[in-house]
Protein backbone atom coordinates (compact mmCIF):
# COMPACT_ATOMS: atom_id res chain seq x y z
CA MET A 1 -82.65 43.41 58.10
CA ALA A 2 -82.23 41.56 54.84
CA HIS A 3 -84.05 42.91 51.83
CA PHE A 4 -84.98 40.97 48.75
CA ARG A 5 -85.43 43.91 46.40
CA LEU A 6 -84.23 42.39 43.13
CA PRO A 7 -87.45 40.45 42.32
CA THR A 8 -89.58 43.42 43.38
CA ILE A 9 -87.50 45.81 41.31
CA LEU A 10 -87.68 43.54 38.28
CA VAL A 11 -91.46 43.30 38.56
CA ALA A 12 -91.70 47.06 38.94
CA LEU A 13 -89.54 47.60 35.87
CA LEU A 14 -91.67 45.22 33.84
CA LEU A 15 -95.07 46.39 35.09
CA GLY A 16 -94.46 49.84 36.57
CA GLY A 17 -95.95 51.85 33.74
CA CYS A 18 -98.70 49.49 32.64
CA ALA A 19 -101.58 51.03 34.56
CA ALA A 20 -100.16 54.49 35.06
CA GLY A 21 -99.56 55.80 31.58
CA ASP A 22 -97.38 58.85 31.02
CA GLY A 23 -99.77 61.45 32.44
CA THR A 24 -99.70 63.47 35.62
CA LEU A 25 -101.16 62.55 38.98
CA ASP A 26 -104.32 64.47 38.06
CA GLU A 27 -104.69 62.37 34.91
CA VAL A 28 -104.06 58.91 36.36
CA ASP A 29 -106.99 56.49 36.31
CA PRO A 30 -108.25 56.28 39.91
CA ALA A 31 -108.67 52.53 39.47
CA ALA A 32 -104.90 52.20 38.86
CA ALA A 33 -104.24 52.50 42.61
CA PRO A 34 -105.96 50.73 45.51
CA ALA A 35 -108.67 52.74 47.24
CA ASN A 36 -107.50 51.71 50.72
CA PRO A 37 -103.78 50.98 50.56
CA THR A 38 -102.08 49.51 53.59
CA TRP A 39 -98.42 49.34 54.58
CA SER A 40 -98.21 45.63 53.79
CA ASP A 41 -100.13 45.91 50.51
CA PRO A 42 -98.85 47.71 48.46
CA VAL A 43 -97.17 50.67 50.21
CA GLN A 44 -94.17 48.74 51.49
CA ARG A 45 -93.46 47.44 47.97
CA VAL A 46 -93.63 50.98 46.56
CA VAL A 47 -91.21 52.23 49.22
CA ASP A 48 -88.89 49.25 48.72
CA VAL A 49 -88.72 49.78 44.96
CA TYR A 50 -88.57 53.57 44.71
CA CYS A 51 -87.06 54.72 48.02
CA ALA A 52 -85.23 52.09 50.05
CA GLY A 53 -82.29 51.76 47.65
CA CYS A 54 -80.99 54.96 49.25
CA HIS A 55 -83.31 55.38 52.24
CA SER A 56 -82.62 52.24 54.24
CA ASP A 57 -80.73 51.41 57.42
CA ASP A 58 -78.52 49.36 55.09
CA SER A 59 -77.58 52.40 52.98
CA ALA A 60 -75.25 55.24 53.86
CA VAL A 61 -77.85 57.92 53.07
CA GLY A 62 -80.70 56.38 55.04
CA ALA A 63 -78.71 55.64 58.15
CA GLN A 64 -76.65 58.83 58.15
CA GLU A 65 -79.36 61.35 57.33
CA GLY A 66 -82.12 59.81 59.45
CA TYR A 67 -84.30 59.07 56.46
CA ALA A 68 -84.40 55.29 56.54
CA PHE A 69 -87.71 53.89 55.27
CA ASP A 70 -87.42 50.23 56.28
CA THR A 71 -90.50 50.29 58.50
CA CYS A 72 -93.89 51.93 58.48
CA ASP A 73 -93.00 53.92 61.60
CA GLN A 74 -89.86 55.30 59.94
CA VAL A 75 -91.90 56.54 56.97
CA LYS A 76 -94.50 58.04 59.32
CA ARG A 77 -91.81 59.98 61.20
CA ALA A 78 -90.61 61.47 57.89
CA ARG A 79 -94.11 62.19 56.57
CA GLY A 80 -93.63 65.93 55.97
CA ALA A 81 -90.27 65.58 54.25
CA PHE A 82 -91.51 62.56 52.26
CA GLN A 83 -94.59 64.41 51.01
CA GLN A 84 -92.65 67.56 50.17
CA ALA A 85 -89.90 65.73 48.26
CA THR A 86 -92.24 63.33 46.44
CA PHE A 87 -95.30 65.44 45.68
CA GLU A 88 -94.49 69.12 46.07
CA ASN A 89 -91.01 69.69 44.66
CA GLU A 90 -90.76 66.22 43.05
CA SER A 91 -87.08 65.86 43.94
CA MET A 92 -87.58 62.23 44.98
CA PRO A 93 -86.97 59.79 43.58
CA PRO A 94 -84.06 61.66 42.00
CA PRO A 95 -83.90 61.86 38.21
CA ALA A 96 -81.10 59.29 38.10
CA GLY A 97 -83.25 56.82 40.05
CA PHE A 98 -86.40 54.94 39.17
CA VAL A 99 -89.26 57.14 38.04
CA MET A 100 -92.20 56.52 40.34
CA PRO A 101 -95.29 55.86 38.21
CA GLU A 102 -98.26 58.13 38.82
CA ALA A 103 -100.30 55.14 40.07
CA ALA A 104 -97.67 54.53 42.77
CA LYS A 105 -97.79 58.21 43.74
CA LEU A 106 -101.58 58.02 43.96
CA THR A 107 -101.25 54.95 46.17
CA MET A 108 -98.93 56.86 48.50
CA LYS A 109 -101.20 59.94 48.55
CA ARG A 110 -104.19 57.79 49.47
CA TRP A 111 -102.21 56.09 52.22
CA PHE A 112 -101.15 59.48 53.64
CA ALA A 113 -104.76 60.74 53.45
CA GLN A 114 -105.93 57.69 55.43
CA GLY A 115 -103.54 58.40 58.26
CA MET A 116 -100.73 56.09 57.13
CA PRO A 117 -101.97 52.98 58.94
CA CYS A 118 -99.34 50.41 59.85
CA ASP A 119 -100.66 46.87 59.72
């Protein structure tokens, strides 16, 4: 599966912190994230920018460790590990990677809370 991450990554770098600020998830403006996020808008873009660089079938880590996040179903299968690494111990994305803005984290939390619908 070919990925066109460069334009998405560039947009994220330019706009990633605009709505999120430097606060914590508890401090982020609720309007900074969609109320009803879906896989196609914007969850897949968040995963592509902040996760798929390592967690993809095209990467050694994703394919080897079983944590590829190329599809909605792959993310759903890793729900527990994803939530723990992203929200509980905050080990992902790793410090050397892109910092996920709080608005993107809120988007993901809302998507999880809504049952992670694949559309």
